[in-house]
Structures are given as structure tokens and as C-alpha cells.
Amino acid sequence: MTTDRPASHDRHHTLQVHARRLGTDRHLVTVVGDLDLHTASHLADALQPLVLSGGHSVLVDLSGVAFLDSTGLTCLIAVYRTARSTGARLALIAPSERVRRMLALTGTDQVLHSYATVDSVPD
């Protein structure tokens, strides 16, 4: 059986999530590693409180995500739904090629908007 995941990632499921405030109404969450069954809850734990407060933008930098599976995708969709219900805004920043392919394949790219840089996200 073959997978798209590099063999070096099979043994370790790591995800680094770093959140910082960019201004009074913007947060940037940088994600590095594999966003999958083993790590999606870590990202959800970081994003949900930010979108629950509503009224601001949460920008998720996915340029460092090497692998995205259906659980990781479900996590992003769930956070998007919460953001929509609270009046917050969720935007993806510079998703890696693998992430872009998964978003396009599932049609999620029509709902979760992506931008090349933080500065290119409209206010």
C-alpha cells in the first residue's frame, strides 16, 4: 500500500501551533507538521477559543503543514462553522501544495478562503 505521506512522518505525529495577536481584531495561528487524526484536536483546541469570541479575524498559516488528512480537514471545517456562527472570520494563509490539493479535491477551497500572505487578507 502506498501513501502520499513521506515515510519519515509515519512514526511521529507532531504538530506545532503558535498563536499571536496581530492587532485588536486579528490573530495569526502558525501551524507546522502533520494535521491528521492524531493532531487535529491540538489545532482545534488552539482555534476554537479564538473564533468563539467572534468579531475578528483568525488567520491560519498552513505553509508548514506537510500532510492533511480527512480529520484535519474536518477540524478546519468545524472551526469555520463556529467562526461563521459567532461573526468571526477564518482565513487560510499560504497553504502548502499538499494542503491546496486536498482543499481543491474536496471542494473545501470554495468555502475556506486562502490568501498568499497575511497582508493580502482584506480587512
C-alpha atoms as a PDB file:
ATOM      1  CA  MET A   1       0.000   0.000   0.000  1.00  0.00           C
ATOM      2  CA  THR A   2       1.361   3.429  -0.875  1.00  0.00           C
ATOM      3  CA  THR A   3       0.530   6.794   0.609  1.00  0.00           C
ATOM      4  CA  ASP A   4       1.260  10.409  -0.149  1.00  0.00           C
ATOM      5  CA  ARG A   5       2.867  10.776   3.250  1.00  0.00           C
ATOM      6  CA  PRO A   6       6.687  10.634   3.389  1.00  0.00           C
ATOM      7  CA  ALA A   7       7.964   7.577   5.289  1.00  0.00           C
ATOM      8  CA  SER A   8       9.734   9.790   7.833  1.00  0.00           C
ATOM      9  CA  HIS A   9       6.334  11.014   9.074  1.00  0.00           C
ATOM     10  CA  ASP A  10       4.908   7.542   9.697  1.00  0.00           C
ATOM     11  CA  ARG A  11       6.471   7.166  13.133  1.00  0.00           C
ATOM     12  CA  HIS A  12       5.940  10.638  14.541  1.00  0.00           C
ATOM     13  CA  HIS A  13       2.727  12.600  14.575  1.00  0.00           C
ATOM     14  CA  THR A  14       3.705  16.105  15.549  1.00  0.00           C
ATOM     15  CA  LEU A  15       2.024  19.426  15.136  1.00  0.00           C
ATOM     16  CA  GLN A  16       3.309  22.751  16.340  1.00  0.00           C
ATOM     17  CA  VAL A  17       0.760  25.518  16.787  1.00  0.00           C
ATOM     18  CA  HIS A  18       1.736  29.063  17.655  1.00  0.00           C
ATOM     19  CA  ALA A  19      -0.860  31.839  18.056  1.00  0.00           C
ATOM     20  CA  ARG A  20      -0.135  35.538  18.272  1.00  0.00           C
ATOM     21  CA  ARG A  21      -2.199  38.692  18.140  1.00  0.00           C
ATOM     22  CA  LEU A  22      -1.591  40.898  15.101  1.00  0.00           C
ATOM     23  CA  GLY A  23      -3.848  43.708  16.258  1.00  0.00           C
ATOM     24  CA  THR A  24      -7.026  44.304  18.163  1.00  0.00           C
ATOM     25  CA  ASP A  25      -9.087  42.314  15.690  1.00  0.00           C
ATOM     26  CA  ARG A  26      -6.636  39.798  14.155  1.00  0.00           C
ATOM     27  CA  HIS A  27      -4.857  36.667  15.313  1.00  0.00           C
ATOM     28  CA  LEU A  28      -2.289  34.664  13.360  1.00  0.00           C
ATOM     29  CA  VAL A  29      -2.035  30.953  14.093  1.00  0.00           C
ATOM     30  CA  THR A  30       1.012  29.282  12.556  1.00  0.00           C
ATOM     31  CA  VAL A  31       0.774  25.522  12.055  1.00  0.00           C
ATOM     32  CA  VAL A  32       3.746  23.247  11.329  1.00  0.00           C
ATOM     33  CA  GLY A  33       3.703  19.469  10.878  1.00  0.00           C
ATOM     34  CA  ASP A  34       1.067  16.868  10.091  1.00  0.00           C
ATOM     35  CA  LEU A  35      -2.585  17.806  10.519  1.00  0.00           C
ATOM     36  CA  ASP A  36      -4.213  14.418  10.915  1.00  0.00           C
ATOM     37  CA  LEU A  37      -6.166  12.075  13.171  1.00  0.00           C
ATOM     38  CA  HIS A  38      -3.510  12.295  15.869  1.00  0.00           C
ATOM     39  CA  THR A  39      -3.030  16.073  15.872  1.00  0.00           C
ATOM     40  CA  ALA A  40      -6.255  17.749  14.727  1.00  0.00           C
ATOM     41  CA  SER A  41      -7.561  18.132  18.280  1.00  0.00           C
ATOM     42  CA  HIS A  42      -4.457  20.150  19.183  1.00  0.00           C
ATOM     43  CA  LEU A  43      -5.243  22.645  16.416  1.00  0.00           C
ATOM     44  CA  ALA A  44      -8.939  22.724  17.327  1.00  0.00           C
ATOM     45  CA  ASP A  45      -8.011  23.477  20.948  1.00  0.00           C
ATOM     46  CA  ALA A  46      -5.996  26.487  19.758  1.00  0.00           C
ATOM     47  CA  LEU A  47      -8.508  27.808  17.194  1.00  0.00           C
ATOM     48  CA  GLN A  48     -11.906  27.329  18.846  1.00  0.00           C
ATOM     49  CA  PRO A  49     -11.368  29.875  21.668  1.00  0.00           C
ATOM     50  CA  LEU A  50     -10.211  32.456  19.127  1.00  0.00           C
ATOM     51  CA  VAL A  51     -13.277  32.104  16.913  1.00  0.00           C
ATOM     52  CA  LEU A  52     -15.705  31.747  19.825  1.00  0.00           C
ATOM     53  CA  SER A  53     -15.035  35.330  20.900  1.00  0.00           C
ATOM     54  CA  GLY A  54     -16.284  36.463  17.466  1.00  0.00           C
ATOM     55  CA  GLY A  55     -15.981  39.774  15.678  1.00  0.00           C
ATOM     56  CA  HIS A  56     -12.414  39.386  14.487  1.00  0.00           C
ATOM     57  CA  SER A  57     -10.239  37.517  12.002  1.00  0.00           C
ATOM     58  CA  VAL A  58      -8.302  34.341  12.669  1.00  0.00           C
ATOM     59  CA  LEU A  59      -5.631  33.752  10.054  1.00  0.00           C
ATOM     60  CA  VAL A  60      -4.248  30.218   9.897  1.00  0.00           C
ATOM     61  CA  ASP A  61      -0.810  29.910   8.281  1.00  0.00           C
ATOM     62  CA  LEU A  62      -0.680  26.421   6.769  1.00  0.00           C
ATOM     63  CA  SER A  63       2.556  26.852   4.815  1.00  0.00           C
ATOM     64  CA  GLY A  64       4.318  24.454   7.195  1.00  0.00           C
ATOM     65  CA  VAL A  65       1.718  21.690   7.050  1.00  0.00           C
ATOM     66  CA  ALA A  66       3.298  18.671   5.369  1.00  0.00           C
ATOM     67  CA  PHE A  67       0.243  16.404   5.468  1.00  0.00           C
ATOM     68  CA  LEU A  68      -3.522  16.904   5.785  1.00  0.00           C
ATOM     69  CA  ASP A  69      -5.987  14.051   6.134  1.00  0.00           C
ATOM     70  CA  SER A  70      -9.779  13.994   6.400  1.00  0.00           C
ATOM     71  CA  THR A  71      -9.681  14.517  10.186  1.00  0.00           C
ATOM     72  CA  GLY A  72      -7.542  17.627   9.761  1.00  0.00           C
ATOM     73  CA  LEU A  73      -9.894  18.865   7.063  1.00  0.00           C
ATOM     74  CA  THR A  74     -12.898  18.218   9.312  1.00  0.00           C
ATOM     75  CA  CYS A  75     -11.186  20.227  12.061  1.00  0.00           C
ATOM     76  CA  LEU A  76     -10.790  23.233   9.746  1.00  0.00           C
ATOM     77  CA  ILE A  77     -14.410  22.984   8.605  1.00  0.00           C
ATOM     78  CA  ALA A  78     -15.677  22.758  12.196  1.00  0.00           C
ATOM     79  CA  VAL A  79     -13.687  25.852  13.165  1.00  0.00           C
ATOM     80  CA  TYR A  80     -15.016  27.648  10.081  1.00  0.00           C
ATOM     81  CA  ARG A  81     -18.595  26.816  11.102  1.00  0.00           C
ATOM     82  CA  THR A  82     -18.001  28.105  14.615  1.00  0.00           C
ATOM     83  CA  ALA A  83     -16.442  31.285  13.222  1.00  0.00           C
ATOM     84  CA  ARG A  84     -19.391  31.838  10.927  1.00  0.00           C
ATOM     85  CA  SER A  85     -21.862  31.409  13.777  1.00  0.00           C
ATOM     86  CA  THR A  86     -20.023  33.868  16.046  1.00  0.00           C
ATOM     87  CA  GLY A  87     -19.250  36.524  13.448  1.00  0.00           C
ATOM     88  CA  ALA A  88     -15.541  35.759  13.396  1.00  0.00           C
ATOM     89  CA  ARG A  89     -13.661  35.274  10.156  1.00  0.00           C
ATOM     90  CA  LEU A  90     -11.371  32.344   9.341  1.00  0.00           C
ATOM     91  CA  ALA A  91      -8.845  32.610   6.514  1.00  0.00           C
ATOM     92  CA  LEU A  92      -6.082  30.265   5.438  1.00  0.00           C
ATOM     93  CA  ILE A  93      -2.656  31.690   4.698  1.00  0.00           C
ATOM     94  CA  ALA A  94      -0.244  30.137   2.180  1.00  0.00           C
ATOM     95  CA  PRO A  95      -1.401  26.527   2.360  1.00  0.00           C
ATOM     96  CA  SER A  96       1.287  24.101   1.233  1.00  0.00           C
ATOM     97  CA  GLU A  97       0.876  22.339  -2.099  1.00  0.00           C
ATOM     98  CA  ARG A  98      -0.395  19.164  -0.432  1.00  0.00           C
ATOM     99  CA  VAL A  99      -2.958  21.118   1.568  1.00  0.00           C
ATOM    100  CA  ARG A 100      -4.089  23.059  -1.522  1.00  0.00           C
ATOM    101  CA  ARG A 101      -4.585  19.792  -3.392  1.00  0.00           C
ATOM    102  CA  MET A 102      -6.721  18.345  -0.583  1.00  0.00           C
ATOM    103  CA  LEU A 103      -8.802  21.531  -0.340  1.00  0.00           C
ATOM    104  CA  ALA A 104      -9.380  21.547  -4.110  1.00  0.00           C
ATOM    105  CA  LEU A 105     -10.097  17.822  -4.314  1.00  0.00           C
ATOM    106  CA  THR A 106     -12.817  18.092  -1.671  1.00  0.00           C
ATOM    107  CA  GLY A 107     -14.222  21.428  -2.842  1.00  0.00           C
ATOM    108  CA  THR A 108     -13.375  22.935   0.528  1.00  0.00           C
ATOM    109  CA  ASP A 109     -11.367  25.637  -1.223  1.00  0.00           C
ATOM    110  CA  GLN A 110     -14.728  27.129  -2.260  1.00  0.00           C
ATOM    111  CA  VAL A 111     -15.624  27.692   1.412  1.00  0.00           C
ATOM    112  CA  LEU A 112     -12.312  28.181   3.212  1.00  0.00           C
ATOM    113  CA  HIS A 113     -10.651  31.118   1.515  1.00  0.00           C
ATOM    114  CA  SER A 114      -6.885  31.114   1.102  1.00  0.00           C
ATOM    115  CA  TYR A 115      -4.510  34.027   0.695  1.00  0.00           C
ATOM    116  CA  ALA A 116      -0.843  34.099  -0.282  1.00  0.00           C
ATOM    117  CA  THR A 117       0.216  36.312   2.635  1.00  0.00           C
ATOM    118  CA  VAL A 118      -1.192  37.831   5.804  1.00  0.00           C
ATOM    119  CA  ASP A 119      -1.064  41.256   4.162  1.00  0.00           C
ATOM    120  CA  SER A 120      -3.213  40.093   1.242  1.00  0.00           C
ATOM    121  CA  VAL A 121      -6.199  39.262   3.514  1.00  0.00           C
ATOM    122  CA  PRO A 122      -8.783  42.042   3.182  1.00  0.00           C
ATOM    123  CA  ASP A 123      -9.732  43.870   6.370  1.00  0.00           C
END
